[in-house]
């Protein structure tokens, strides 16, 4: 039988400059980068955010249901927020936190979590800089999750002042429910909420998402999704 002609080997990669390390990062840059432990004793930390106007106070989201405060290099003993009855799969739990752009005036925060009813909940609370009032809960949306993985969960306010969240496709392999291309499904989407409206409702702004775990807006308004 005829055989295909042999393929010529590819050209070898060009040699890296003498002042570059693996990955092309110059030595003068690498020499200025170091790892330093900031805090320890956390349980499954998945997110660090700051409140508007308070860049030196860090709010650390623990996946199993707490938000801790790190200030002046010290971890406060009392959590900022605690919630129970969460689902506890590897990609489930307390997944997102965002402060309203006018938090200093209105004390509004938003969290994204999955609970034991196997659903995503996006909930608004009222808070001071030190503590959330659990009785102030107002649910924006509840979204059923067919499986335990691909829950997304990030919350970010965009340059338009609206709240964005990323929803995974619902989980399992190959999007069996075809949520990615279903314009009526809230799964596999980037959603947006006008939280200052009387009744905020989810608006689909992008579809076909697999599992948008974290994302952020650049200074020019471009949204980068991981």
N, C-alpha and C. Protein backbone atom coordinates (compact mmCIF):
# COMPACT_ATOMS: atom_id res chain seq x y z
N UNK A 1 0.84 -1.19 0.00
CA UNK A 1 0.00 0.00 0.00
C UNK A 1 0.88 1.24 0.00
N UNK A 2 0.33 2.31 -0.63
CA UNK A 2 1.09 3.55 -0.65
C UNK A 2 1.21 4.10 0.76
N UNK A 3 2.37 4.67 1.03
CA UNK A 3 2.60 5.29 2.33
C UNK A 3 2.76 6.79 2.15
N UNK A 4 2.27 7.58 3.10
CA UNK A 4 2.43 9.03 2.98
C UNK A 4 3.90 9.41 3.05
N UNK A 5 4.24 10.47 2.35
CA UNK A 5 5.62 10.95 2.36
C UNK A 5 6.00 11.39 3.77
N UNK A 6 7.23 11.14 4.18
CA UNK A 6 7.64 11.56 5.53
C UNK A 6 7.58 13.08 5.68
N UNK A 7 7.25 13.51 6.89
CA UNK A 7 7.16 14.93 7.17
C UNK A 7 8.50 15.42 7.69
N UNK A 8 8.96 16.51 7.12
CA UNK A 8 10.25 17.07 7.56
C UNK A 8 10.14 17.55 9.00
N UNK A 9 11.17 17.35 9.80
CA UNK A 9 11.10 17.82 11.20
C UNK A 9 11.00 19.32 11.26
N UNK A 10 10.30 19.78 12.29
CA UNK A 10 10.13 21.22 12.46
C UNK A 10 11.46 21.86 12.84
N UNK A 11 11.58 23.14 12.51
CA UNK A 11 12.79 23.86 12.89
C UNK A 11 12.91 23.90 14.40
N UNK A 12 14.12 23.76 14.92
CA UNK A 12 14.29 23.82 16.38
C UNK A 12 13.93 25.20 16.88
N UNK A 13 13.44 25.30 18.13
CA UNK A 13 13.07 26.61 18.66
C UNK A 13 14.28 27.52 18.76
N UNK A 14 14.04 28.79 18.55
CA UNK A 14 15.13 29.76 18.64
C UNK A 14 15.67 29.80 20.06
N UNK A 15 16.94 30.01 20.17
CA UNK A 15 17.56 30.09 21.49
C UNK A 15 17.04 31.30 22.25
N UNK A 16 16.83 31.12 23.57
CA UNK A 16 16.37 32.23 24.39
C UNK A 16 17.51 33.20 24.66
N UNK A 17 17.18 34.47 24.80
CA UNK A 17 18.23 35.44 25.13
C UNK A 17 18.91 35.07 26.44
N UNK A 18 20.16 35.48 26.57
CA UNK A 18 20.94 35.12 27.74
C UNK A 18 20.34 35.68 29.02
N UNK A 19 19.60 36.78 28.91
CA UNK A 19 19.05 37.41 30.11
C UNK A 19 17.64 36.96 30.42
N UNK A 20 17.17 35.86 29.78
CA UNK A 20 15.80 35.39 29.99
C UNK A 20 15.80 34.01 30.60
N UNK A 21 14.81 33.75 31.46
CA UNK A 21 14.62 32.42 32.02
C UNK A 21 13.49 31.72 31.27
N UNK A 22 13.20 30.48 31.66
CA UNK A 22 12.14 29.72 31.01
C UNK A 22 10.84 30.51 31.02
N UNK A 23 10.19 30.60 29.88
CA UNK A 23 8.96 31.39 29.78
C UNK A 23 9.22 32.78 29.26
N UNK A 24 10.49 33.15 29.06
CA UNK A 24 10.81 34.44 28.47
C UNK A 24 10.76 35.61 29.44
N UNK A 25 10.72 35.36 30.75
CA UNK A 25 10.69 36.45 31.72
C UNK A 25 12.12 36.90 32.00
N UNK A 26 12.44 38.16 31.78
CA UNK A 26 13.81 38.62 31.99
C UNK A 26 14.26 38.45 33.44
N UNK A 27 15.53 38.15 33.60
CA UNK A 27 16.09 37.93 34.93
C UNK A 27 15.90 39.14 35.82
N UNK A 28 16.03 40.34 35.26
CA UNK A 28 15.90 41.53 36.08
C UNK A 28 14.49 41.69 36.65
N UNK A 29 13.51 41.09 35.96
CA UNK A 29 12.14 41.11 36.49
C UNK A 29 11.99 40.02 37.55
N UNK A 30 12.47 38.81 37.25
CA UNK A 30 12.35 37.69 38.18
C UNK A 30 13.03 38.01 39.51
N UNK A 31 14.15 38.71 39.45
CA UNK A 31 14.90 38.99 40.67
C UNK A 31 14.15 39.90 41.64
N UNK A 32 13.13 40.59 41.15
CA UNK A 32 12.36 41.50 42.00
C UNK A 32 11.07 40.89 42.53
N UNK A 33 10.84 39.62 42.17
CA UNK A 33 9.62 38.94 42.59
C UNK A 33 9.93 37.91 43.66
N UNK A 34 9.18 37.93 44.73
CA UNK A 34 9.39 36.96 45.81
C UNK A 34 8.05 36.59 46.42
N UNK A 35 7.98 35.42 47.03
CA UNK A 35 6.78 34.98 47.72
C UNK A 35 6.90 35.33 49.20
N UNK A 36 5.82 35.86 49.77
CA UNK A 36 5.80 36.19 51.19
C UNK A 36 4.45 35.78 51.76
N UNK A 37 4.45 35.02 52.82
CA UNK A 37 3.20 34.60 53.44
C UNK A 37 2.51 35.81 54.07
N UNK A 38 1.25 35.99 53.71
CA UNK A 38 0.47 37.11 54.23
C UNK A 38 -0.41 36.66 55.39
N UNK A 39 -0.97 35.47 55.27
CA UNK A 39 -1.88 34.97 56.32
C UNK A 39 -1.94 33.45 56.21
N UNK A 40 -2.17 32.79 57.32
CA UNK A 40 -2.39 31.34 57.32
C UNK A 40 -3.53 31.02 58.27
N UNK A 41 -3.96 29.77 58.25
CA UNK A 41 -5.06 29.37 59.11
C UNK A 41 -6.43 29.50 58.48
N UNK A 42 -6.48 29.65 57.16
CA UNK A 42 -7.75 29.76 56.45
C UNK A 42 -8.22 28.39 55.97
N UNK A 43 -9.53 28.27 55.74
CA UNK A 43 -10.11 27.02 55.27
C UNK A 43 -10.67 27.20 53.87
N UNK A 44 -9.98 26.64 52.89
CA UNK A 44 -10.37 26.69 51.47
C UNK A 44 -10.69 28.12 51.03
N UNK A 45 -9.72 29.04 51.12
CA UNK A 45 -9.97 30.40 50.61
C UNK A 45 -10.04 30.40 49.09
N UNK A 46 -11.06 31.06 48.53
CA UNK A 46 -11.26 31.04 47.08
C UNK A 46 -11.30 32.44 46.46
N UNK A 47 -11.31 33.49 47.29
CA UNK A 47 -11.46 34.83 46.74
C UNK A 47 -11.02 35.86 47.77
N UNK A 48 -10.37 36.92 47.29
CA UNK A 48 -10.01 38.06 48.13
C UNK A 48 -10.52 39.32 47.44
N UNK A 49 -11.29 40.14 48.15
CA UNK A 49 -11.82 41.39 47.58
C UNK A 49 -11.65 42.51 48.60
N UNK A 50 -11.79 43.73 48.13
CA UNK A 50 -11.78 44.90 49.00
C UNK A 50 -13.10 45.64 48.84
N UNK A 51 -13.44 46.41 49.85
CA UNK A 51 -14.63 47.27 49.78
C UNK A 51 -14.22 48.62 49.20
N UNK A 52 -15.12 49.31 48.49
CA UNK A 52 -14.79 50.63 47.94
C UNK A 52 -14.31 51.57 49.04
N UNK A 53 -13.17 52.22 48.76
CA UNK A 53 -12.64 53.19 49.70
C UNK A 53 -11.85 52.61 50.85
N UNK A 54 -11.68 51.27 50.87
CA UNK A 54 -10.93 50.63 51.95
C UNK A 54 -9.97 49.59 51.38
N UNK A 55 -8.97 50.02 50.60
CA UNK A 55 -8.09 49.07 49.90
C UNK A 55 -7.17 48.29 50.81
N UNK A 56 -6.96 48.72 52.05
CA UNK A 56 -6.02 48.04 52.94
C UNK A 56 -6.69 46.99 53.82
N UNK A 57 -8.00 46.85 53.70
CA UNK A 57 -8.72 45.81 54.43
C UNK A 57 -9.16 44.75 53.43
N UNK A 58 -8.73 43.51 53.66
CA UNK A 58 -9.04 42.42 52.73
C UNK A 58 -10.15 41.54 53.29
N UNK A 59 -11.11 41.23 52.43
CA UNK A 59 -12.19 40.30 52.78
C UNK A 59 -11.92 38.99 52.06
N UNK A 60 -11.72 37.93 52.82
CA UNK A 60 -11.31 36.64 52.26
C UNK A 60 -12.49 35.67 52.35
N UNK A 61 -12.91 35.16 51.20
CA UNK A 61 -14.05 34.24 51.12
C UNK A 61 -13.55 32.81 51.29
N UNK A 62 -14.07 32.13 52.30
CA UNK A 62 -13.79 30.71 52.51
C UNK A 62 -14.95 29.90 51.93
N UNK A 63 -14.61 28.91 51.14
CA UNK A 63 -15.62 28.16 50.39
C UNK A 63 -16.65 27.48 51.29
N UNK A 64 -16.26 27.13 52.50
CA UNK A 64 -17.16 26.38 53.36
C UNK A 64 -18.07 27.27 54.21
N UNK A 65 -18.12 28.59 53.90
CA UNK A 65 -19.20 29.37 54.49
C UNK A 65 -18.83 30.55 55.35
N UNK A 66 -17.58 31.02 55.29
CA UNK A 66 -17.21 32.19 56.07
C UNK A 66 -16.51 33.22 55.20
N UNK A 67 -16.62 34.49 55.60
CA UNK A 67 -15.81 35.57 55.02
C UNK A 67 -15.02 36.17 56.17
N UNK A 68 -13.69 36.15 56.03
CA UNK A 68 -12.81 36.64 57.07
C UNK A 68 -12.25 38.01 56.69
N UNK A 69 -11.83 38.78 57.69
CA UNK A 69 -11.25 40.10 57.47
C UNK A 69 -9.78 40.07 57.86
N UNK A 70 -8.94 40.52 56.93
CA UNK A 70 -7.51 40.67 57.19
C UNK A 70 -7.18 42.15 57.17
N UNK A 71 -6.71 42.67 58.28
CA UNK A 71 -6.42 44.10 58.40
C UNK A 71 -5.14 44.29 59.19
N UNK A 72 -4.26 45.16 58.67
CA UNK A 72 -2.97 45.42 59.30
C UNK A 72 -2.19 44.13 59.54
N UNK A 73 -2.31 43.21 58.58
CA UNK A 73 -1.56 41.96 58.66
C UNK A 73 -2.12 40.95 59.64
N UNK A 74 -3.27 41.23 60.24
CA UNK A 74 -3.84 40.32 61.23
C UNK A 74 -5.22 39.85 60.79
N UNK A 75 -5.48 38.57 61.02
CA UNK A 75 -6.77 37.97 60.69
C UNK A 75 -7.69 38.12 61.88
N UNK A 76 -8.81 38.79 61.69
CA UNK A 76 -9.75 38.98 62.79
C UNK A 76 -10.38 37.66 63.21
N UNK A 77 -10.58 37.51 64.51
CA UNK A 77 -11.17 36.28 65.02
C UNK A 77 -12.63 36.13 64.62
N UNK A 78 -13.38 37.24 64.66
CA UNK A 78 -14.80 37.19 64.31
C UNK A 78 -14.99 37.33 62.81
N UNK A 79 -15.66 36.37 62.15
CA UNK A 79 -15.88 36.48 60.71
C UNK A 79 -16.78 37.66 60.36
N UNK A 80 -16.59 38.19 59.17
CA UNK A 80 -17.46 39.22 58.62
C UNK A 80 -18.83 38.64 58.29
N UNK A 81 -18.83 37.37 57.85
CA UNK A 81 -20.06 36.72 57.41
C UNK A 81 -19.93 35.22 57.63
N UNK A 82 -21.02 34.59 58.06
CA UNK A 82 -21.06 33.14 58.23
C UNK A 82 -22.39 32.63 57.72
N UNK A 83 -22.35 31.54 56.96
CA UNK A 83 -23.59 30.95 56.45
C UNK A 83 -23.45 29.43 56.51
N UNK A 84 -24.54 28.76 56.85
CA UNK A 84 -24.55 27.31 56.91
C UNK A 84 -25.44 26.71 55.84
N UNK A 85 -25.66 25.42 55.93
CA UNK A 85 -26.54 24.69 55.00
C UNK A 85 -26.07 24.79 53.55
N UNK A 86 -24.75 24.82 53.35
CA UNK A 86 -24.21 24.87 51.99
C UNK A 86 -23.96 23.46 51.47
N UNK A 87 -24.01 23.30 50.15
CA UNK A 87 -23.54 22.05 49.56
C UNK A 87 -22.02 22.06 49.62
N UNK A 88 -21.42 20.88 49.71
CA UNK A 88 -19.99 20.83 50.00
C UNK A 88 -19.16 20.06 48.99
N UNK A 89 -19.62 20.00 47.74
CA UNK A 89 -18.82 19.40 46.68
C UNK A 89 -17.58 20.25 46.40
N UNK A 90 -16.66 19.70 45.64
CA UNK A 90 -15.38 20.38 45.40
C UNK A 90 -15.56 21.73 44.72
N UNK A 91 -16.62 21.92 43.95
CA UNK A 91 -16.86 23.19 43.25
C UNK A 91 -18.10 23.89 43.79
N UNK A 92 -18.54 23.52 44.99
CA UNK A 92 -19.74 24.10 45.58
C UNK A 92 -19.39 24.89 46.83
N UNK A 93 -20.38 25.61 47.35
CA UNK A 93 -20.19 26.35 48.58
C UNK A 93 -20.33 27.84 48.38
N UNK A 94 -19.66 28.62 49.23
CA UNK A 94 -19.66 30.09 49.13
C UNK A 94 -18.60 30.47 48.11
N UNK A 95 -19.02 31.05 46.99
CA UNK A 95 -18.14 31.21 45.83
C UNK A 95 -17.89 32.65 45.41
N UNK A 96 -18.75 33.60 45.78
CA UNK A 96 -18.58 34.96 45.29
C UNK A 96 -19.00 36.00 46.30
N UNK A 97 -18.37 37.17 46.21
CA UNK A 97 -18.68 38.32 47.06
C UNK A 97 -18.41 39.59 46.29
N UNK A 98 -19.33 40.54 46.38
CA UNK A 98 -19.13 41.86 45.78
C UNK A 98 -19.75 42.92 46.67
N UNK A 99 -19.05 44.04 46.79
CA UNK A 99 -19.56 45.19 47.53
C UNK A 99 -20.19 46.18 46.55
N UNK A 100 -21.33 46.71 46.92
CA UNK A 100 -21.96 47.74 46.10
C UNK A 100 -20.98 48.91 45.94
N UNK A 101 -20.91 49.53 44.74
CA UNK A 101 -20.00 50.66 44.55
C UNK A 101 -20.19 51.79 45.57
N UNK A 102 -21.40 51.90 46.13
CA UNK A 102 -21.68 52.91 47.16
C UNK A 102 -21.84 52.26 48.53
N UNK A 103 -21.03 51.25 48.78
CA UNK A 103 -21.13 50.50 50.03
C UNK A 103 -20.99 51.40 51.26
N UNK A 104 -20.12 52.38 51.19
CA UNK A 104 -19.92 53.26 52.35
C UNK A 104 -21.20 54.01 52.70
N UNK A 105 -22.08 54.20 51.71
CA UNK A 105 -23.34 54.91 51.94
C UNK A 105 -24.50 53.99 52.26
N UNK A 106 -24.56 52.83 51.55
CA UNK A 106 -25.76 51.99 51.69
C UNK A 106 -25.51 50.64 52.37
N UNK A 107 -24.25 50.25 52.57
CA UNK A 107 -23.95 49.02 53.28
C UNK A 107 -24.44 47.75 52.60
N UNK A 108 -24.53 47.75 51.27
CA UNK A 108 -25.06 46.59 50.56
C UNK A 108 -23.94 45.70 50.03
N UNK A 109 -24.05 44.40 50.29
CA UNK A 109 -23.13 43.42 49.72
C UNK A 109 -23.93 42.32 49.04
N UNK A 110 -23.24 41.54 48.21
CA UNK A 110 -23.90 40.46 47.46
C UNK A 110 -23.01 39.23 47.51
N UNK A 111 -23.63 38.08 47.74
CA UNK A 111 -22.89 36.82 47.78
C UNK A 111 -23.53 35.82 46.82
N UNK A 112 -22.71 34.89 46.36
CA UNK A 112 -23.15 33.82 45.47
C UNK A 112 -22.74 32.50 46.13
N UNK A 113 -23.71 31.61 46.35
CA UNK A 113 -23.39 30.34 46.98
C UNK A 113 -24.32 29.25 46.47
N UNK A 114 -23.90 28.00 46.65
CA UNK A 114 -24.75 26.85 46.38
C UNK A 114 -25.13 26.22 47.70
N UNK A 115 -26.38 25.87 47.85
CA UNK A 115 -26.88 25.33 49.10
C UNK A 115 -27.25 23.86 48.94
N UNK A 116 -27.75 23.27 50.02
CA UNK A 116 -28.04 21.84 49.99
C UNK A 116 -29.22 21.49 49.11
N UNK A 117 -29.95 22.50 48.62
CA UNK A 117 -31.03 22.23 47.68
C UNK A 117 -30.49 22.12 46.25
N UNK A 118 -29.13 22.06 46.11
CA UNK A 118 -28.46 21.97 44.82
C UNK A 118 -28.93 23.09 43.89
N UNK A 119 -28.75 24.30 44.35
CA UNK A 119 -29.09 25.47 43.55
C UNK A 119 -28.13 26.60 43.87
N UNK A 120 -27.93 27.48 42.88
CA UNK A 120 -27.17 28.70 43.10
C UNK A 120 -28.10 29.77 43.64
N UNK A 121 -27.65 30.49 44.66
CA UNK A 121 -28.40 31.60 45.24
C UNK A 121 -27.53 32.86 45.17
N UNK A 122 -28.08 33.93 44.64
CA UNK A 122 -27.42 35.23 44.70
C UNK A 122 -28.26 36.09 45.63
N UNK A 123 -27.65 36.53 46.71
CA UNK A 123 -28.40 37.15 47.81
C UNK A 123 -27.74 38.47 48.21
N UNK A 124 -28.57 39.46 48.46
CA UNK A 124 -28.10 40.75 48.97
C UNK A 124 -28.25 40.79 50.48
N UNK A 125 -27.25 41.39 51.14
CA UNK A 125 -27.30 41.61 52.59
C UNK A 125 -26.93 43.05 52.88
N UNK A 126 -27.28 43.49 54.06
CA UNK A 126 -26.83 44.78 54.59
C UNK A 126 -25.71 44.52 55.60
N UNK A 127 -24.73 45.42 55.61
CA UNK A 127 -23.58 45.18 56.47
C UNK A 127 -22.92 46.48 56.86
N UNK A 128 -22.18 46.42 57.95
CA UNK A 128 -21.22 47.47 58.27
C UNK A 128 -19.87 47.01 57.73
N UNK A 129 -18.83 47.77 57.98
CA UNK A 129 -17.50 47.35 57.53
C UNK A 129 -17.03 46.12 58.28
N UNK A 130 -17.64 45.80 59.42
CA UNK A 130 -17.17 44.72 60.27
C UNK A 130 -18.07 43.49 60.31
N UNK A 131 -19.37 43.65 59.96
CA UNK A 131 -20.29 42.54 60.19
C UNK A 131 -21.50 42.62 59.26
N UNK A 132 -21.94 41.45 58.80
CA UNK A 132 -23.15 41.34 57.98
C UNK A 132 -24.35 41.05 58.88
N UNK A 133 -25.47 41.67 58.58
CA UNK A 133 -26.72 41.40 59.28
C UNK A 133 -27.42 40.24 58.58
N UNK A 134 -27.43 39.03 59.16
CA UNK A 134 -28.03 37.88 58.47
C UNK A 134 -29.52 38.01 58.25
N UNK A 135 -30.19 38.84 59.04
CA UNK A 135 -31.63 39.00 58.89
C UNK A 135 -32.01 39.91 57.73
N UNK A 136 -31.02 40.53 57.10
CA UNK A 136 -31.31 41.48 56.02
C UNK A 136 -31.33 40.83 54.64
N UNK A 137 -31.28 39.52 54.57
CA UNK A 137 -31.15 38.81 53.29
C UNK A 137 -32.29 39.13 52.33
N UNK A 138 -31.92 39.41 51.08
CA UNK A 138 -32.89 39.57 49.98
C UNK A 138 -32.35 38.80 48.78
N UNK A 139 -33.04 37.73 48.40
CA UNK A 139 -32.57 36.90 47.30
C UNK A 139 -32.89 37.54 45.95
N UNK A 140 -31.85 37.65 45.11
CA UNK A 140 -32.05 38.18 43.76
C UNK A 140 -32.52 37.08 42.81
N UNK A 141 -31.90 35.90 42.96
CA UNK A 141 -32.26 34.81 42.04
C UNK A 141 -31.85 33.48 42.66
N UNK A 142 -32.59 32.44 42.30
CA UNK A 142 -32.25 31.06 42.63
C UNK A 142 -32.22 30.29 41.33
N UNK A 143 -31.11 29.59 41.06
CA UNK A 143 -30.94 28.89 39.79
C UNK A 143 -30.63 27.42 40.08
N UNK A 144 -31.48 26.53 39.59
CA UNK A 144 -31.28 25.10 39.79
C UNK A 144 -29.97 24.63 39.15
N UNK A 145 -29.27 23.73 39.84
CA UNK A 145 -28.03 23.13 39.33
C UNK A 145 -28.24 21.62 39.20
N UNK A 146 -28.12 21.07 37.99
CA UNK A 146 -28.35 19.63 37.82
C UNK A 146 -27.25 18.75 38.38
N UNK A 147 -26.01 19.28 38.47
CA UNK A 147 -24.88 18.50 38.97
C UNK A 147 -24.07 19.37 39.95
N UNK A 148 -23.05 18.77 40.53
CA UNK A 148 -22.31 19.47 41.59
C UNK A 148 -21.18 20.35 41.07
N UNK A 149 -20.77 20.17 39.82
CA UNK A 149 -19.62 20.93 39.33
C UNK A 149 -20.05 22.02 38.35
N UNK A 150 -19.08 22.83 37.93
CA UNK A 150 -19.30 23.94 36.99
C UNK A 150 -20.34 24.93 37.52
N UNK A 151 -20.06 25.48 38.68
CA UNK A 151 -20.99 26.43 39.30
C UNK A 151 -20.59 27.89 39.11
N UNK A 152 -19.43 28.15 38.49
CA UNK A 152 -19.01 29.54 38.34
C UNK A 152 -19.00 30.22 39.69
N UNK A 153 -19.74 31.32 39.83
CA UNK A 153 -19.96 31.90 41.14
C UNK A 153 -19.37 33.26 41.40
N UNK A 154 -18.57 33.78 40.48
CA UNK A 154 -17.96 35.09 40.73
C UNK A 154 -19.01 36.20 40.67
N UNK A 155 -18.76 37.29 41.40
CA UNK A 155 -19.61 38.48 41.38
C UNK A 155 -18.72 39.70 41.23
N UNK A 156 -19.03 40.54 40.25
CA UNK A 156 -18.23 41.74 40.00
C UNK A 156 -19.16 42.86 39.52
N UNK A 157 -18.98 44.05 40.04
CA UNK A 157 -19.71 45.20 39.50
C UNK A 157 -18.95 45.73 38.28
N UNK A 158 -19.70 45.96 37.20
CA UNK A 158 -19.10 46.44 35.97
C UNK A 158 -19.03 47.95 35.92
N UNK A 159 -18.40 48.49 34.89
CA UNK A 159 -18.30 49.95 34.74
C UNK A 159 -19.66 50.62 34.54
N UNK A 160 -20.68 49.83 34.22
CA UNK A 160 -22.04 50.36 34.08
C UNK A 160 -22.78 50.39 35.41
N UNK A 161 -22.11 49.99 36.50
CA UNK A 161 -22.75 49.99 37.80
C UNK A 161 -23.64 48.80 38.08
N UNK A 162 -23.66 47.84 37.17
CA UNK A 162 -24.50 46.65 37.35
C UNK A 162 -23.68 45.47 37.82
N UNK A 163 -24.35 44.51 38.45
CA UNK A 163 -23.70 43.34 39.04
C UNK A 163 -23.66 42.20 38.03
N UNK A 164 -22.45 41.67 37.79
CA UNK A 164 -22.25 40.57 36.85
C UNK A 164 -21.91 39.30 37.62
N UNK A 165 -22.41 38.18 37.13
CA UNK A 165 -22.05 36.88 37.70
C UNK A 165 -21.84 35.89 36.57
N UNK A 166 -21.00 34.89 36.84
CA UNK A 166 -20.75 33.85 35.85
C UNK A 166 -21.41 32.55 36.26
N UNK A 167 -22.18 31.98 35.36
CA UNK A 167 -22.85 30.70 35.62
C UNK A 167 -22.26 29.63 34.71
N UNK A 168 -21.82 28.50 35.34
CA UNK A 168 -21.34 27.38 34.55
C UNK A 168 -22.49 26.68 33.83
N UNK A 169 -22.14 25.68 33.03
CA UNK A 169 -23.15 25.03 32.20
C UNK A 169 -24.01 24.01 32.96
N UNK A 170 -23.77 23.85 34.26
CA UNK A 170 -24.55 22.91 35.05
C UNK A 170 -23.77 21.68 35.45
N UNK A 171 -22.65 21.42 34.75
CA UNK A 171 -21.78 20.33 35.14
C UNK A 171 -21.88 19.10 34.28
N UNK A 172 -21.17 18.07 34.72
CA UNK A 172 -20.96 16.82 34.01
C UNK A 172 -20.17 17.10 32.73
N UNK A 173 -19.98 16.10 31.90
CA UNK A 173 -19.16 16.27 30.70
C UNK A 173 -20.01 16.65 29.49
N UNK A 174 -19.46 17.52 28.66
CA UNK A 174 -20.03 17.83 27.35
C UNK A 174 -21.40 18.50 27.39
N UNK A 175 -21.68 19.22 28.49
CA UNK A 175 -22.92 19.99 28.60
C UNK A 175 -24.13 19.17 28.15
N UNK A 176 -24.46 18.08 28.87
CA UNK A 176 -25.53 17.18 28.40
C UNK A 176 -26.90 17.84 28.29
N UNK A 177 -27.14 18.91 29.05
CA UNK A 177 -28.43 19.59 28.97
C UNK A 177 -28.45 20.69 27.91
N UNK A 178 -27.31 20.87 27.22
CA UNK A 178 -27.19 21.86 26.14
C UNK A 178 -27.56 23.28 26.60
N UNK A 179 -27.14 23.61 27.81
CA UNK A 179 -27.44 24.95 28.33
C UNK A 179 -26.65 26.04 27.63
N UNK A 180 -25.48 25.69 27.12
CA UNK A 180 -24.62 26.70 26.51
C UNK A 180 -25.27 27.45 25.36
N UNK A 181 -26.09 26.76 24.58
CA UNK A 181 -26.72 27.39 23.41
C UNK A 181 -28.22 27.57 23.58
N UNK A 182 -28.69 27.42 24.80
CA UNK A 182 -30.12 27.60 25.07
C UNK A 182 -30.37 29.02 25.56
N UNK A 183 -31.01 29.86 24.76
CA UNK A 183 -31.20 31.26 25.16
C UNK A 183 -32.17 31.45 26.32
N UNK A 184 -32.87 30.38 26.71
CA UNK A 184 -33.81 30.49 27.82
C UNK A 184 -33.22 30.00 29.14
N UNK A 185 -32.05 29.35 29.08
CA UNK A 185 -31.41 28.83 30.29
C UNK A 185 -30.49 29.88 30.88
N UNK A 186 -30.46 29.98 32.20
CA UNK A 186 -29.56 30.91 32.87
C UNK A 186 -28.19 30.28 33.13
N UNK A 187 -28.09 28.97 32.98
CA UNK A 187 -26.80 28.30 33.10
C UNK A 187 -25.97 28.55 31.84
N UNK A 188 -24.63 28.47 31.99
CA UNK A 188 -23.69 28.66 30.88
C UNK A 188 -23.73 30.08 30.33
N UNK A 189 -23.93 31.05 31.22
CA UNK A 189 -24.08 32.44 30.80
C UNK A 189 -23.28 33.38 31.71
N UNK A 190 -23.02 34.58 31.19
CA UNK A 190 -22.67 35.71 32.02
C UNK A 190 -23.96 36.50 32.21
N UNK A 191 -24.37 36.67 33.45
CA UNK A 191 -25.61 37.36 33.77
C UNK A 191 -25.31 38.73 34.36
N UNK A 192 -26.27 39.62 34.23
CA UNK A 192 -26.13 40.98 34.76
C UNK A 192 -27.42 41.36 35.48
N UNK A 193 -27.27 42.07 36.61
CA UNK A 193 -28.41 42.52 37.41
C UNK A 193 -28.31 44.02 37.64
N UNK A 194 -29.42 44.70 37.48
CA UNK A 194 -29.52 46.09 37.92
C UNK A 194 -29.99 46.04 39.37
N UNK A 195 -29.05 46.01 40.30
CA UNK A 195 -29.41 45.78 41.69
C UNK A 195 -30.10 47.00 42.32
N UNK A 196 -30.08 48.13 41.63
CA UNK A 196 -30.76 49.31 42.15
C UNK A 196 -32.20 49.40 41.68
N UNK A 197 -32.61 48.45 40.85
CA UNK A 197 -34.01 48.39 40.42
C UNK A 197 -34.86 47.84 41.56
N UNK A 198 -36.17 48.09 41.49
CA UNK A 198 -37.07 47.60 42.54
C UNK A 198 -37.07 46.08 42.60
N UNK A 199 -37.02 45.43 41.45
CA UNK A 199 -36.99 43.98 41.38
C UNK A 199 -35.91 43.56 40.38
N UNK A 200 -34.68 43.42 40.83
CA UNK A 200 -33.60 43.03 39.91
C UNK A 200 -33.87 41.68 39.26
N UNK A 201 -33.66 41.63 37.95
CA UNK A 201 -33.85 40.38 37.22
C UNK A 201 -32.61 40.07 36.41
N UNK A 202 -32.31 38.77 36.22
CA UNK A 202 -31.10 38.40 35.47
C UNK A 202 -31.23 38.73 33.99
N UNK A 203 -30.21 39.34 33.45
CA UNK A 203 -30.14 39.65 32.02
C UNK A 203 -28.95 38.90 31.43
N UNK A 204 -29.16 38.16 30.36
CA UNK A 204 -28.09 37.40 29.71
C UNK A 204 -27.28 38.35 28.83
N UNK A 205 -25.97 38.43 29.09
CA UNK A 205 -25.11 39.29 28.29
C UNK A 205 -24.10 38.50 27.48
N UNK A 206 -23.90 37.22 27.81
CA UNK A 206 -22.99 36.37 27.03
C UNK A 206 -23.37 34.92 27.27
N UNK A 207 -23.31 34.10 26.22
CA UNK A 207 -23.70 32.70 26.35
C UNK A 207 -22.56 31.78 25.92
N UNK A 208 -22.77 30.49 26.13
CA UNK A 208 -21.79 29.50 25.70
C UNK A 208 -20.65 29.30 26.69
N UNK A 209 -20.86 29.61 27.96
CA UNK A 209 -19.79 29.50 28.95
C UNK A 209 -19.71 28.08 29.49
N UNK A 210 -18.48 27.60 29.68
CA UNK A 210 -18.27 26.28 30.26
C UNK A 210 -18.29 26.35 31.79
N UNK A 211 -17.40 27.14 32.34
CA UNK A 211 -17.36 27.33 33.79
C UNK A 211 -16.59 28.61 34.10
N UNK A 212 -17.22 29.77 33.96
CA UNK A 212 -16.52 31.04 34.20
C UNK A 212 -16.24 31.23 35.69
N UNK A 213 -15.07 30.79 36.13
CA UNK A 213 -14.75 30.74 37.55
C UNK A 213 -14.44 32.13 38.09
N UNK A 214 -13.57 32.87 37.43
CA UNK A 214 -13.23 34.23 37.85
C UNK A 214 -13.14 35.13 36.62
N UNK A 215 -13.49 36.39 36.79
CA UNK A 215 -13.37 37.35 35.69
C UNK A 215 -13.23 38.75 36.27
N UNK A 216 -12.77 39.67 35.43
CA UNK A 216 -12.61 41.06 35.88
C UNK A 216 -12.65 41.99 34.67
N UNK A 217 -13.01 43.23 34.94
CA UNK A 217 -13.05 44.26 33.91
C UNK A 217 -11.73 45.01 33.88
N UNK A 218 -11.20 45.24 32.68
CA UNK A 218 -10.01 46.07 32.52
C UNK A 218 -10.44 47.54 32.62
N UNK A 219 -9.45 48.42 32.63
CA UNK A 219 -9.75 49.85 32.78
C UNK A 219 -10.58 50.39 31.62
N UNK A 220 -10.46 49.75 30.44
CA UNK A 220 -11.23 50.23 29.29
C UNK A 220 -12.59 49.55 29.18
N UNK A 221 -12.96 48.74 30.19
CA UNK A 221 -14.26 48.08 30.18
C UNK A 221 -14.28 46.70 29.56
N UNK A 222 -13.13 46.21 29.09
CA UNK A 222 -13.06 44.86 28.53
C UNK A 222 -13.17 43.83 29.65
N UNK A 223 -13.98 42.80 29.42
CA UNK A 223 -14.18 41.76 30.41
C UNK A 223 -13.30 40.55 30.07
N UNK A 224 -12.43 40.17 31.01
CA UNK A 224 -11.56 39.00 30.85
C UNK A 224 -12.09 37.89 31.74
N UNK A 225 -12.33 36.71 31.14
CA UNK A 225 -12.99 35.62 31.83
C UNK A 225 -12.06 34.41 31.90
N UNK A 226 -11.90 33.87 33.09
CA UNK A 226 -11.12 32.65 33.28
C UNK A 226 -12.03 31.46 33.48
